[in-house]
Amino acid sequence: MRICLAASGGGHVRQLLDLKPVWSEHDVFFVTEPTALGETLARECPTHFVTHVAVGQAKLGRPFEMLRCAWRNFRESYRVIRKERPEVVISTGAGAVFSTLFWARLHGAKLIVIESFARFDRPSLFMRIAAPLAHRSIVQSAKLAARFPRALVFDPLRMLDVPRPPKKALMFVTVGATLPFDRMIRSVAELKASGEIPERVIAQVGTGGTNAAGLETVETLSFDEIQALLRDADIVVSHGGTGSLITALRERCRTVVMPRLFELGEHYDNHQLEISESFEKRGLVHVARDLDGLRDALSAARRTDPPGATTDPRALMAWLRQTLSDWQASSRKTEARFV
């Protein structure tokens, strides 16, 4: 089948990559944002880039920027769908690909919408908007299923019961693929300057991010470069993005999270805080909201044996494979009646 895989940058795309054993059996293309991960993906799969847009742009006092981005994204998405004509769209959100779903639905495609794997307690705005358009909806918990009666539940988070690999005296700091996060970088630099962080520190600071004394900084890294750093890093200090957290936990890093906060103008809402606290409740990460919290979280992380976790989407993949097969068989029967 001709399948469109639609997702914003970061964890949304990585969630789709986990499903590769299923979608690689079909004729696929991606729609995503022009992030470092997106650029890496484009070297392997047909990929269309669309403009970043989110309701939070208006929340942060930039409503006209949001409208300009939304209009550009709307036109870009129309051109992609008109050219590619997918039969199915599989999407993990968020705002940047809503227009893709809208145009695909109008062109007769079937939609499968999968909620972010970090949303256990409250649904994302994307899910609340997109679920009514979708032919099938997937959520991560029974609590969310109560909000979406037609949704199926697949919780992909699994603990890893494997020995921790050898690590170096290295701390990797990452702000993710989308935005700089100077408050986190300055906090790490302050602790490094005071001698409270003895490790070598490599910090990915984002495009236009701050260059802090005492840290080896780089604006962007490819996904492969990040993977290599995580294999060596003993400690990871990360923003509250799901993709960054899962990749660190897969490598059994001591993971400390400093979520971007809406009240400080660092993000569109407090979903990073919600994600961080959800992971903390499972004993996977240590959360810090400020400099003092970062100091305490690093101390706690050093005293504990770091857990390992990953996403295990095998049950979801089995369902997807069967659903796509059923849809393909139905399409062939329809075609046969007109031959």
C-alpha atoms as a PDB file:
ATOM      1  CA  MET A   1       0.000   0.000   0.000  1.00  0.00           C
ATOM      2  CA  ARG A   2       1.002   3.615  -0.505  1.00  0.00           C
ATOM      3  CA  ILE A   3       1.536   4.893   3.061  1.00  0.00           C
ATOM      4  CA  CYS A   4       2.343   8.353   4.391  1.00  0.00           C
ATOM      5  CA  LEU A   5       4.190   8.415   7.728  1.00  0.00           C
ATOM      6  CA  ALA A   6       3.509  11.824   9.277  1.00  0.00           C
ATOM      7  CA  ALA A   7       5.163  13.191  12.418  1.00  0.00           C
ATOM      8  CA  SER A   8       6.724  16.333  13.829  1.00  0.00           C
ATOM      9  CA  GLY A   9      10.391  16.299  14.853  1.00  0.00           C
ATOM     10  CA  GLY A  10      12.026  14.467  17.749  1.00  0.00           C
ATOM     11  CA  GLY A  11      10.162  11.750  19.627  1.00  0.00           C
ATOM     12  CA  HIS A  12       7.205  11.758  17.248  1.00  0.00           C
ATOM     13  CA  VAL A  13       9.433  10.595  14.374  1.00  0.00           C
ATOM     14  CA  ARG A  14      11.306   8.121  16.565  1.00  0.00           C
ATOM     15  CA  GLN A  15       7.999   6.568  17.546  1.00  0.00           C
ATOM     16  CA  LEU A  16       7.303   5.903  13.858  1.00  0.00           C
ATOM     17  CA  LEU A  17      10.802   4.504  13.365  1.00  0.00           C
ATOM     18  CA  ASP A  18      10.023   1.873  16.005  1.00  0.00           C
ATOM     19  CA  LEU A  19       7.332   0.578  13.645  1.00  0.00           C
ATOM     20  CA  LYS A  20       9.698   0.102  10.707  1.00  0.00           C
ATOM     21  CA  PRO A  21       9.264  -3.711  10.485  1.00  0.00           C
ATOM     22  CA  VAL A  22       5.652  -3.060   9.447  1.00  0.00           C
ATOM     23  CA  TRP A  23       5.832   0.019   7.247  1.00  0.00           C
ATOM     24  CA  SER A  24       8.969  -1.176   5.432  1.00  0.00           C
ATOM     25  CA  GLU A  25       6.785  -3.856   3.831  1.00  0.00           C
ATOM     26  CA  HIS A  26       4.918  -1.109   1.939  1.00  0.00           C
ATOM     27  CA  ASP A  27       5.522   1.836  -0.388  1.00  0.00           C
ATOM     28  CA  VAL A  28       6.124   4.676   2.085  1.00  0.00           C
ATOM     29  CA  PHE A  29       7.158   8.312   2.356  1.00  0.00           C
ATOM     30  CA  PHE A  30       7.580  10.614   5.350  1.00  0.00           C
ATOM     31  CA  VAL A  31       6.194  14.042   6.114  1.00  0.00           C
ATOM     32  CA  THR A  32       8.061  15.772   8.938  1.00  0.00           C
ATOM     33  CA  GLU A  33       9.892  18.920  10.019  1.00  0.00           C
ATOM     34  CA  PRO A  34      13.415  19.823   8.835  1.00  0.00           C
ATOM     35  CA  THR A  35      15.232  18.732  12.018  1.00  0.00           C
ATOM     36  CA  ALA A  36      18.564  16.912  12.300  1.00  0.00           C
ATOM     37  CA  LEU A  37      16.685  13.617  12.656  1.00  0.00           C
ATOM     38  CA  GLY A  38      14.548  14.512   9.642  1.00  0.00           C
ATOM     39  CA  GLU A  39      17.649  15.227   7.568  1.00  0.00           C
ATOM     40  CA  THR A  40      19.097  11.839   8.566  1.00  0.00           C
ATOM     41  CA  LEU A  41      15.822  10.164   7.661  1.00  0.00           C
ATOM     42  CA  ALA A  42      15.740  11.841   4.251  1.00  0.00           C
ATOM     43  CA  ARG A  43      18.956  10.063   3.305  1.00  0.00           C
ATOM     44  CA  GLU A  44      17.208   6.715   3.751  1.00  0.00           C
ATOM     45  CA  CYS A  45      13.545   7.261   2.801  1.00  0.00           C
ATOM     46  CA  PRO A  46      11.554   9.608   0.538  1.00  0.00           C
ATOM     47  CA  THR A  47      10.809  12.572   2.819  1.00  0.00           C
ATOM     48  CA  HIS A  48       8.874  15.828   2.510  1.00  0.00           C
ATOM     49  CA  PHE A  49       9.546  18.680   4.922  1.00  0.00           C
ATOM     50  CA  VAL A  50       6.805  21.006   6.147  1.00  0.00           C
ATOM     51  CA  THR A  51       6.933  24.165   8.243  1.00  0.00           C
ATOM     52  CA  HIS A  52       6.812  23.865  12.029  1.00  0.00           C
ATOM     53  CA  VAL A  53       3.528  25.113  13.495  1.00  0.00           C
ATOM     54  CA  ALA A  54       1.975  24.796  16.945  1.00  0.00           C
ATOM     55  CA  VAL A  55      -0.846  26.445  18.863  1.00  0.00           C
ATOM     56  CA  GLY A  56       1.719  27.220  21.542  1.00  0.00           C
ATOM     57  CA  GLN A  57       3.280  29.839  19.309  1.00  0.00           C
ATOM     58  CA  ALA A  58       0.228  31.970  20.035  1.00  0.00           C
ATOM     59  CA  LYS A  59       0.422  31.109  23.745  1.00  0.00           C
ATOM     60  CA  LEU A  60       3.935  32.514  23.812  1.00  0.00           C
ATOM     61  CA  GLY A  61       2.734  35.790  22.321  1.00  0.00           C
ATOM     62  CA  ARG A  62       3.443  35.108  18.642  1.00  0.00           C
ATOM     63  CA  PRO A  63      -0.027  34.650  17.108  1.00  0.00           C
ATOM     64  CA  PHE A  64       0.873  36.166  13.750  1.00  0.00           C
ATOM     65  CA  GLU A  65       3.924  33.930  13.453  1.00  0.00           C
ATOM     66  CA  MET A  66       1.667  30.959  14.147  1.00  0.00           C
ATOM     67  CA  LEU A  67      -0.782  32.060  11.451  1.00  0.00           C
ATOM     68  CA  ARG A  68       1.985  32.581   8.888  1.00  0.00           C
ATOM     69  CA  CYS A  69       3.467  29.167   9.659  1.00  0.00           C
ATOM     70  CA  ALA A  70       0.044  27.520   9.604  1.00  0.00           C
ATOM     71  CA  TRP A  71      -0.800  28.969   6.178  1.00  0.00           C
ATOM     72  CA  ARG A  72       2.578  27.923   4.758  1.00  0.00           C
ATOM     73  CA  ASN A  73       2.206  24.450   6.266  1.00  0.00           C
ATOM     74  CA  PHE A  74      -1.360  24.162   4.930  1.00  0.00           C
ATOM     75  CA  ARG A  75      -0.203  24.824   1.347  1.00  0.00           C
ATOM     76  CA  GLU A  76       2.877  22.602   1.641  1.00  0.00           C
ATOM     77  CA  SER A  77       0.789  19.727   2.965  1.00  0.00           C
ATOM     78  CA  TYR A  78      -1.739  20.081   0.160  1.00  0.00           C
ATOM     79  CA  ARG A  79       1.008  19.877  -2.473  1.00  0.00           C
ATOM     80  CA  VAL A  80       2.497  16.770  -0.848  1.00  0.00           C
ATOM     81  CA  ILE A  81      -0.806  14.898  -0.640  1.00  0.00           C
ATOM     82  CA  ARG A  82      -1.871  15.915  -4.147  1.00  0.00           C
ATOM     83  CA  LYS A  83       1.452  14.622  -5.502  1.00  0.00           C
ATOM     84  CA  GLU A  84       1.839  11.434  -3.453  1.00  0.00           C
ATOM     85  CA  ARG A  85      -1.804  10.268  -3.124  1.00  0.00           C
ATOM     86  CA  PRO A  86      -1.372   7.956  -0.092  1.00  0.00           C
ATOM     87  CA  GLU A  87      -3.926   5.243   0.634  1.00  0.00           C
ATOM     88  CA  VAL A  88      -3.125   5.302   4.356  1.00  0.00           C
ATOM     89  CA  VAL A  89      -1.613   7.852   6.733  1.00  0.00           C
ATOM     90  CA  ILE A  90      -0.023   6.720  10.001  1.00  0.00           C
ATOM     91  CA  SER A  91       0.693   9.649  12.311  1.00  0.00           C
ATOM     92  CA  THR A  92       2.107  10.129  15.816  1.00  0.00           C
ATOM     93  CA  GLY A  93       1.432  13.904  15.803  1.00  0.00           C
ATOM     94  CA  ALA A  94       1.749  16.786  16.337  1.00  0.00           C
ATOM     95  CA  GLY A  95       0.799  20.246  15.005  1.00  0.00           C
ATOM     96  CA  ALA A  96       3.066  20.278  11.973  1.00  0.00           C
ATOM     97  CA  VAL A  97       1.287  17.303  10.392  1.00  0.00           C
ATOM     98  CA  PHE A  98      -2.335  18.073  11.187  1.00  0.00           C
ATOM     99  CA  SER A  99      -2.825  19.655   7.732  1.00  0.00           C
ATOM    100  CA  THR A 100      -1.323  16.522   6.181  1.00  0.00           C
ATOM    101  CA  LEU A 101      -4.014  14.426   7.867  1.00  0.00           C
ATOM    102  CA  PHE A 102      -6.726  16.894   6.838  1.00  0.00           C
ATOM    103  CA  TRP A 103      -5.807  16.867   3.144  1.00  0.00           C
ATOM    104  CA  ALA A 104      -5.223  13.112   3.088  1.00  0.00           C
ATOM    105  CA  ARG A 105      -8.674  12.516   4.580  1.00  0.00           C
ATOM    106  CA  LEU A 106     -10.247  14.730   1.915  1.00  0.00           C
ATOM    107  CA  HIS A 107      -8.402  12.740  -0.754  1.00  0.00           C
ATOM    108  CA  GLY A 108      -9.839   9.474   0.545  1.00  0.00           C
ATOM    109  CA  ALA A 109      -6.947   8.101   2.604  1.00  0.00           C
ATOM    110  CA  LYS A 110      -7.538   6.059   5.739  1.00  0.00           C
ATOM    111  CA  LEU A 111      -6.012   7.562   8.893  1.00  0.00           C
ATOM    112  CA  ILE A 112      -4.345   5.825  11.841  1.00  0.00           C
ATOM    113  CA  VAL A 113      -3.523   8.236  14.673  1.00  0.00           C
ATOM    114  CA  ILE A 114      -1.172   7.104  17.457  1.00  0.00           C
ATOM    115  CA  GLU A 115      -0.884   9.153  20.642  1.00  0.00           C
ATOM    116  CA  SER A 116       2.605  10.039  21.903  1.00  0.00           C
ATOM    117  CA  PHE A 117       4.022   7.191  23.985  1.00  0.00           C
ATOM    118  CA  ALA A 118       4.626   9.623  26.859  1.00  0.00           C
ATOM    119  CA  ARG A 119       0.963  10.542  27.207  1.00  0.00           C
ATOM    120  CA  PHE A 120      -0.379   8.309  29.961  1.00  0.00           C
ATOM    121  CA  ASP A 121      -2.592  10.690  31.946  1.00  0.00           C
ATOM    122  CA  ARG A 122      -3.874  13.416  29.631  1.00  0.00           C
ATOM    123  CA  PRO A 123      -4.268  13.432  25.851  1.00  0.00           C
ATOM    124  CA  SER A 124      -2.328  15.811  23.656  1.00  0.00           C
ATOM    125  CA  LEU A 125      -4.085  18.628  21.817  1.00  0.00           C
ATOM    126  CA  PHE A 126      -3.197  16.870  18.571  1.00  0.00           C
ATOM    127  CA  MET A 127      -4.991  13.712  19.672  1.00  0.00           C
ATOM    128  CA  ARG A 128      -8.077  15.624  20.758  1.00  0.00           C
ATOM    129  CA  ILE A 129      -8.282  17.261  17.330  1.00  0.00           C
ATOM    130  CA  ALA A 130      -7.174  14.366  15.125  1.00  0.00           C
ATOM    131  CA  ALA A 131      -8.976  11.408  16.734  1.00  0.00           C
ATOM    132  CA  PRO A 132     -12.414  12.373  15.328  1.00  0.00           C
ATOM    133  CA  LEU A 133     -10.898  12.390  11.818  1.00  0.00           C
ATOM    134  CA  ALA A 134      -9.175   9.036  12.214  1.00  0.00           C
ATOM    135  CA  HIS A 135     -10.409   5.628  11.121  1.00  0.00           C
ATOM    136  CA  ARG A 136      -8.371   4.036  13.933  1.00  0.00           C
ATOM    137  CA  SER A 137      -6.928   5.626  17.104  1.00  0.00           C
ATOM    138  CA  ILE A 138      -4.241   4.268  19.428  1.00  0.00           C
ATOM    139  CA  VAL A 139      -3.555   5.443  22.998  1.00  0.00           C
ATOM    140  CA  GLN A 140      -1.063   4.372  25.662  1.00  0.00           C
ATOM    141  CA  SER A 141      -3.249   3.777  28.733  1.00  0.00           C
ATOM    142  CA  ALA A 142      -6.738   2.765  29.853  1.00  0.00           C
ATOM    143  CA  LYS A 143      -7.088   6.211  31.408  1.00  0.00           C
ATOM    144  CA  LEU A 144      -6.759   7.819  27.972  1.00  0.00           C
ATOM    145  CA  ALA A 145      -9.021   5.199  26.397  1.00  0.00           C
ATOM    146  CA  ALA A 146     -11.815   6.502  28.618  1.00  0.00           C
ATOM    147  CA  ARG A 147     -11.513   9.801  26.731  1.00  0.00           C
ATOM    148  CA  PHE A 148     -11.609   8.082  23.323  1.00  0.00           C
ATOM    149  CA  PRO A 149     -14.137   5.189  23.384  1.00  0.00           C
ATOM    150  CA  ARG A 150     -13.157   3.926  19.923  1.00  0.00           C
ATOM    151  CA  ALA A 151      -9.416   3.876  20.694  1.00  0.00           C
ATOM    152  CA  LEU A 152      -7.282   0.788  21.227  1.00  0.00           C
ATOM    153  CA  VAL A 153      -4.706   0.648  24.040  1.00  0.00           C
ATOM    154  CA  PHE A 154      -1.056  -0.307  23.441  1.00  0.00           C
ATOM    155  CA  ASP A 155       1.394   0.699  26.203  1.00  0.00           C
ATOM    156  CA  PRO A 156       4.846   0.243  24.612  1.00  0.00           C
ATOM    157  CA  LEU A 157       7.110   1.057  27.573  1.00  0.00           C
ATOM    158  CA  ARG A 158       9.143  -1.966  28.773  1.00  0.00           C
ATOM    159  CA  MET A 159      11.954  -2.352  31.318  1.00  0.00           C
ATOM    160  CA  LEU A 160      15.282  -3.774  30.137  1.00  0.00           C
ATOM    161  CA  ASP A 161      16.723  -6.624  32.175  1.00  0.00           C
ATOM    162  CA  VAL A 162      20.257  -6.554  30.770  1.00  0.00           C
ATOM    163  CA  PRO A 163      23.664  -5.737  32.322  1.00  0.00           C
ATOM    164  CA  ARG A 164      24.720  -2.115  32.091  1.00  0.00           C
ATOM    165  CA  PRO A 165      27.439  -1.678  29.448  1.00  0.00           C
ATOM    166  CA  PRO A 166      30.800  -0.071  30.349  1.00  0.00           C
ATOM    167  CA  LYS A 167      30.598   3.721  30.518  1.00  0.00           C
ATOM    168  CA  LYS A 168      33.081   6.595  30.384  1.00  0.00           C
ATOM    169  CA  ALA A 169      33.366   9.639  32.656  1.00  0.00           C
ATOM    170  CA  LEU A 170      31.200  11.545  30.206  1.00  0.00           C
ATOM    171  CA  MET A 171      28.056  13.651  30.564  1.00  0.00           C
ATOM    172  CA  PHE A 172      25.955  14.310  27.485  1.00  0.00           C
ATOM    173  CA  VAL A 173      23.584  17.265  27.624  1.00  0.00           C
ATOM    174  CA  THR A 174      20.871  17.596  24.980  1.00  0.00           C
ATOM    175  CA  VAL A 175      18.177  20.186  24.278  1.00  0.00           C
ATOM    176  CA  GLY A 176      16.528  18.079  21.562  1.00  0.00           C
ATOM    177  CA  ALA A 177      15.945  18.774  17.910  1.00  0.00           C
ATOM    178  CA  THR A 178      13.675  21.815  17.897  1.00  0.00           C
ATOM    179  CA  LEU A 179      14.548  24.675  20.267  1.00  0.00           C
ATOM    180  CA  PRO A 180      17.542  25.955  22.262  1.00  0.00           C
ATOM    181  CA  PHE A 181      17.247  25.669  26.036  1.00  0.00           C
ATOM    182  CA  ASP A 182      19.782  28.121  27.428  1.00  0.00           C
ATOM    183  CA  ARG A 183      18.596  27.916  31.061  1.00  0.00           C
ATOM    184  CA  MET A 184      19.484  24.229  31.203  1.00  0.00           C
ATOM    185  CA  ILE A 185      22.842  24.779  29.494  1.00  0.00           C
ATOM    186  CA  ARG A 186      23.745  27.648  31.859  1.00  0.00           C
ATOM    187  CA  SER A 187      22.770  25.518  34.867  1.00  0.00           C
ATOM    188  CA  VAL A 188      25.046  22.679  33.773  1.00  0.00           C
ATOM    189  CA  ALA A 189      27.866  25.156  33.078  1.00  0.00           C
ATOM    190  CA  GLU A 190      27.522  26.663  36.559  1.00  0.00           C
ATOM    191  CA  LEU A 191      27.792  23.259  38.218  1.00  0.00           C
ATOM    192  CA  LYS A 192      30.734  22.392  35.984  1.00  0.00           C
ATOM    193  CA  ALA A 193      32.517  25.635  36.941  1.00  0.00           C
ATOM    194  CA  SER A 194      31.995  24.978  40.659  1.00  0.00           C
ATOM    195  CA  GLY A 195      33.524  21.515  40.367  1.00  0.00           C
ATOM    196  CA  GLU A 196      30.254  19.672  41.051  1.00  0.00           C
ATOM    197  CA  ILE A 197      30.396  18.000  37.630  1.00  0.00           C
ATOM    198  CA  PRO A 198      33.803  16.295  37.301  1.00  0.00           C
ATOM    199  CA  GLU A 199      32.983  14.505  34.041  1.00  0.00           C
ATOM    200  CA  ARG A 200      33.792  15.701  30.569  1.00  0.00           C
ATOM    201  CA  VAL A 201      30.652  17.444  29.276  1.00  0.00           C
ATOM    202  CA  ILE A 202      29.472  17.468  25.667  1.00  0.00           C
ATOM    203  CA  ALA A 203      26.396  19.638  25.140  1.00  0.00           C
ATOM    204  CA  GLN A 204      24.098  19.769  22.124  1.00  0.00           C
ATOM    205  CA  VAL A 205      22.648  23.278  22.485  1.00  0.00           C
ATOM    206  CA  GLY A 206      20.352  23.718  19.478  1.00  0.00           C
ATOM    207  CA  THR A 207      20.579  26.177  16.611  1.00  0.00           C
ATOM    208  CA  GLY A 208      21.521  29.560  18.076  1.00  0.00           C
ATOM    209  CA  GLY A 209      21.965  28.088  21.561  1.00  0.00           C
ATOM    210  CA  THR A 210      24.420  29.449  24.088  1.00  0.00           C
ATOM    211  CA  ASN A 211      28.101  28.498  24.120  1.00  0.00           C
ATOM    212  CA  ALA A 212      28.933  28.003  27.811  1.00  0.00           C
ATOM    213  CA  ALA A 213      32.447  28.013  29.257  1.00  0.00           C
ATOM    214  CA  GLY A 214      33.677  24.620  30.397  1.00  0.00           C
ATOM    215  CA  LEU A 215      31.378  22.678  28.054  1.00  0.00           C
ATOM    216  CA  GLU A 216      32.139  21.231  24.629  1.00  0.00           C
ATOM    217  CA  THR A 217      29.175  22.585  22.711  1.00  0.00           C
ATOM    218  CA  VAL A 218      27.700  21.780  19.325  1.00  0.00           C
ATOM    219  CA  GLU A 219      24.440  23.089  17.886  1.00  0.00           C
ATOM    220  CA  THR A 220      23.162  19.944  16.199  1.00  0.00           C
ATOM    221  CA  LEU A 221      24.131  16.298  15.934  1.00  0.00           C
ATOM    222  CA  SER A 222      22.931  13.536  13.657  1.00  0.00           C
ATOM    223  CA  PHE A 223      20.969  10.691  15.203  1.00  0.00           C
ATOM    224  CA  ASP A 224      23.913   8.336  14.663  1.00  0.00           C
ATOM    225  CA  GLU A 225      26.263  10.750  16.463  1.00  0.00           C
ATOM    226  CA  ILE A 226      23.851  10.995  19.392  1.00  0.00           C
ATOM    227  CA  GLN A 227      23.610   7.209  19.583  1.00  0.00           C
ATOM    228  CA  ALA A 228      27.400   6.939  19.733  1.00  0.00           C
ATOM    229  CA  LEU A 229      27.598   9.491  22.561  1.00  0.00           C
ATOM    230  CA  LEU A 230      24.875   7.724  24.536  1.00  0.00           C
ATOM    231  CA  ARG A 231      26.728   4.428  24.352  1.00  0.00           C
ATOM    232  CA  ASP A 232      29.654   6.094  26.170  1.00  0.00           C
ATOM    233  CA  ALA A 233      27.859   8.564  28.455  1.00  0.00           C
ATOM    234  CA  ASP A 234      27.423   7.702  32.123  1.00  0.00           C
ATOM    235  CA  ILE A 235      25.046  10.642  32.715  1.00  0.00           C
ATOM    236  CA  VAL A 236      22.572  12.367  30.420  1.00  0.00           C
ATOM    237  CA  VAL A 237      20.975  15.714  31.223  1.00  0.00           C
ATOM    238  CA  SER A 238      18.034  16.245  28.896  1.00  0.00           C
ATOM    239  CA  HIS A 239      15.054  18.408  28.182  1.00  0.00           C
ATOM    240  CA  GLY A 240      11.726  16.633  28.643  1.00  0.00           C
ATOM    241  CA  GLY A 241      11.326  15.274  25.117  1.00  0.00           C
ATOM    242  CA  THR A 242      10.216  11.664  24.817  1.00  0.00           C
ATOM    243  CA  GLY A 243      12.677  10.740  22.079  1.00  0.00           C
ATOM    244  CA  SER A 244      15.672  12.036  24.041  1.00  0.00           C
ATOM    245  CA  LEU A 245      14.560  10.230  27.201  1.00  0.00           C
ATOM    246  CA  ILE A 246      13.913   6.863  25.548  1.00  0.00           C
ATOM    247  CA  THR A 247      17.218   6.853  23.654  1.00  0.00           C
ATOM    248  CA  ALA A 248      19.104   7.617  26.893  1.00  0.00           C
ATOM    249  CA  LEU A 249      17.241   4.930  28.842  1.00  0.00           C
ATOM    250  CA  ARG A 250      17.924   2.336  26.155  1.00  0.00           C
ATOM    251  CA  GLU A 251      21.638   2.844  26.759  1.00  0.00           C
ATOM    252  CA  ARG A 252      21.244   2.587  30.578  1.00  0.00           C
ATOM    253  CA  CYS A 253      22.409   6.179  31.152  1.00  0.00           C
ATOM    254  CA  ARG A 254      21.806   7.914  34.462  1.00  0.00           C
ATOM    255  CA  THR A 255      19.096  10.220  33.167  1.00  0.00           C
ATOM    256  CA  VAL A 256      18.296  13.635  34.629  1.00  0.00           C
ATOM    257  CA  VAL A 257      15.481  15.677  33.107  1.00  0.00           C
ATOM    258  CA  MET A 258      15.032  19.440  33.208  1.00  0.00           C
ATOM    259  CA  PRO A 259      11.703  20.052  31.459  1.00  0.00           C
ATOM    260  CA  ARG A 260      11.000  23.279  29.625  1.00  0.00           C
ATOM    261  CA  LEU A 261       8.397  25.283  31.551  1.00  0.00           C
ATOM    262  CA  PHE A 262       5.545  27.231  30.010  1.00  0.00           C
ATOM    263  CA  GLU A 263       5.534  29.842  32.789  1.00  0.00           C
ATOM    264  CA  LEU A 264       9.130  30.762  31.876  1.00  0.00           C
ATOM    265  CA  GLY A 265       8.279  31.060  28.187  1.00  0.00           C
ATOM    266  CA  GLU A 266      10.335  27.987  27.289  1.00  0.00           C
ATOM    267  CA  HIS A 267       7.610  25.950  25.603  1.00  0.00           C
ATOM    268  CA  TYR A 268       4.035  26.079  24.373  1.00  0.00           C
ATOM    269  CA  ASP A 269       2.648  24.297  27.434  1.00  0.00           C
ATOM    270  CA  ASN A 270       3.854  22.115  30.311  1.00  0.00           C
ATOM    271  CA  HIS A 271       3.683  18.784  28.492  1.00  0.00           C
ATOM    272  CA  GLN A 272       7.432  18.268  29.087  1.00  0.00           C
ATOM    273  CA  LEU A 273       6.813  18.519  32.826  1.00  0.00           C
ATOM    274  CA  GLU A 274       3.972  15.989  32.511  1.00  0.00           C
ATOM    275  CA  ILE A 275       6.201  13.636  30.511  1.00  0.00           C
ATOM    276  CA  SER A 276       9.057  13.977  32.992  1.00  0.00           C
ATOM    277  CA  GLU A 277       6.856  13.301  35.996  1.00  0.00           C
ATOM    278  CA  SER A 278       5.308  10.265  34.269  1.00  0.00           C
ATOM    279  CA  PHE A 279       8.769   8.792  33.726  1.00  0.00           C
ATOM    280  CA  GLU A 280       9.814   9.717  37.266  1.00  0.00           C
ATOM    281  CA  LYS A 281       6.807   7.854  38.733  1.00  0.00           C
ATOM    282  CA  ARG A 282       8.073   4.728  36.984  1.00  0.00           C
ATOM    283  CA  GLY A 283      11.500   5.171  38.566  1.00  0.00           C
ATOM    284  CA  LEU A 284      13.226   5.853  35.267  1.00  0.00           C
ATOM    285  CA  VAL A 285      14.552   9.427  35.600  1.00  0.00           C
ATOM    286  CA  HIS A 286      15.341  12.188  38.085  1.00  0.00           C
ATOM    287  CA  VAL A 287      13.563  15.509  37.503  1.00  0.00           C
ATOM    288  CA  ALA A 288      14.977  19.004  38.094  1.00  0.00           C
ATOM    289  CA  ARG A 289      13.086  22.262  37.643  1.00  0.00           C
ATOM    290  CA  ASP A 290      15.951  24.666  38.430  1.00  0.00           C
ATOM    291  CA  LEU A 291      19.643  24.885  39.326  1.00  0.00           C
ATOM    292  CA  ASP A 292      19.225  23.588  42.877  1.00  0.00           C
ATOM    293  CA  GLY A 293      16.987  20.815  41.623  1.00  0.00           C
ATOM    294  CA  LEU A 294      19.605  19.878  39.026  1.00  0.00           C
ATOM    295  CA  ARG A 295      22.256  19.656  41.746  1.00  0.00           C
ATOM    296  CA  ASP A 296      20.011  17.362  43.821  1.00  0.00           C
ATOM    297  CA  ALA A 297      18.947  15.261  40.819  1.00  0.00           C
ATOM    298  CA  LEU A 298      22.547  14.655  39.749  1.00  0.00           C
ATOM    299  CA  SER A 299      23.440  13.618  43.285  1.00  0.00           C
ATOM    300  CA  ALA A 300      20.514  11.183  43.408  1.00  0.00           C
ATOM    301  CA  ALA A 301      21.326   9.790  39.953  1.00  0.00           C
ATOM    302  CA  ARG A 302      24.929   9.049  40.961  1.00  0.00           C
ATOM    303  CA  ARG A 303      23.734   7.043  43.990  1.00  0.00           C
ATOM    304  CA  THR A 304      21.385   4.743  42.086  1.00  0.00           C
ATOM    305  CA  ASP A 305      21.784   1.870  39.672  1.00  0.00           C
ATOM    306  CA  PRO A 306      20.297   3.341  36.481  1.00  0.00           C
ATOM    307  CA  PRO A 307      17.371   1.386  35.047  1.00  0.00           C
ATOM    308  CA  GLY A 308      17.031   0.559  31.398  1.00  0.00           C
ATOM    309  CA  ALA A 309      13.856   0.967  29.414  1.00  0.00           C
ATOM    310  CA  THR A 310      12.739   0.914  25.835  1.00  0.00           C
ATOM    311  CA  THR A 311       9.637   0.912  23.728  1.00  0.00           C
ATOM    312  CA  ASP A 312       8.393  -2.512  22.692  1.00  0.00           C
ATOM    313  CA  PRO A 313       5.779  -2.006  19.977  1.00  0.00           C
ATOM    314  CA  ARG A 314       5.393  -5.656  18.947  1.00  0.00           C
ATOM    315  CA  ALA A 315       1.722  -5.865  19.909  1.00  0.00           C
ATOM    316  CA  LEU A 316       0.989  -2.620  18.062  1.00  0.00           C
ATOM    317  CA  MET A 317       2.945  -3.818  15.029  1.00  0.00           C
ATOM    318  CA  ALA A 318       0.969  -7.059  14.917  1.00  0.00           C
ATOM    319  CA  TRP A 319      -2.268  -5.074  14.962  1.00  0.00           C
ATOM    320  CA  LEU A 320      -1.002  -2.666  12.309  1.00  0.00           C
ATOM    321  CA  ARG A 321       0.124  -5.469  10.027  1.00  0.00           C
ATOM    322  CA  GLN A 322      -3.276  -7.163  10.262  1.00  0.00           C
ATOM    323  CA  THR A 323      -5.200  -3.903   9.792  1.00  0.00           C
ATOM    324  CA  LEU A 324      -3.188  -2.897   6.722  1.00  0.00           C
ATOM    325  CA  SER A 325      -3.626  -6.392   5.300  1.00  0.00           C
ATOM    326  CA  ASP A 326      -7.394  -6.227   5.823  1.00  0.00           C
ATOM    327  CA  TRP A 327      -7.595  -2.794   4.204  1.00  0.00           C
ATOM    328  CA  GLN A 328      -5.492  -3.944   1.274  1.00  0.00           C
ATOM    329  CA  ALA A 329      -7.691  -7.004   0.735  1.00  0.00           C
ATOM    330  CA  SER A 330     -10.815  -4.857   0.912  1.00  0.00           C
ATOM    331  CA  SER A 331      -9.347  -2.435  -1.628  1.00  0.00           C
ATOM    332  CA  ARG A 332      -8.563  -5.295  -4.027  1.00  0.00           C
ATOM    333  CA  LYS A 333     -12.096  -6.647  -3.753  1.00  0.00           C
ATOM    334  CA  THR A 334     -13.483  -3.191  -4.538  1.00  0.00           C
ATOM    335  CA  GLU A 335     -11.207  -2.900  -7.563  1.00  0.00           C
ATOM    336  CA  ALA A 336     -12.184  -6.362  -8.758  1.00  0.00           C
ATOM    337  CA  ARG A 337     -15.882  -5.443  -8.788  1.00  0.00           C
ATOM    338  CA  PHE A 338     -15.148  -2.653 -11.256  1.00  0.00           C
ATOM    339  CA  VAL A 339     -13.006  -4.737 -13.600  1.00  0.00           C
END
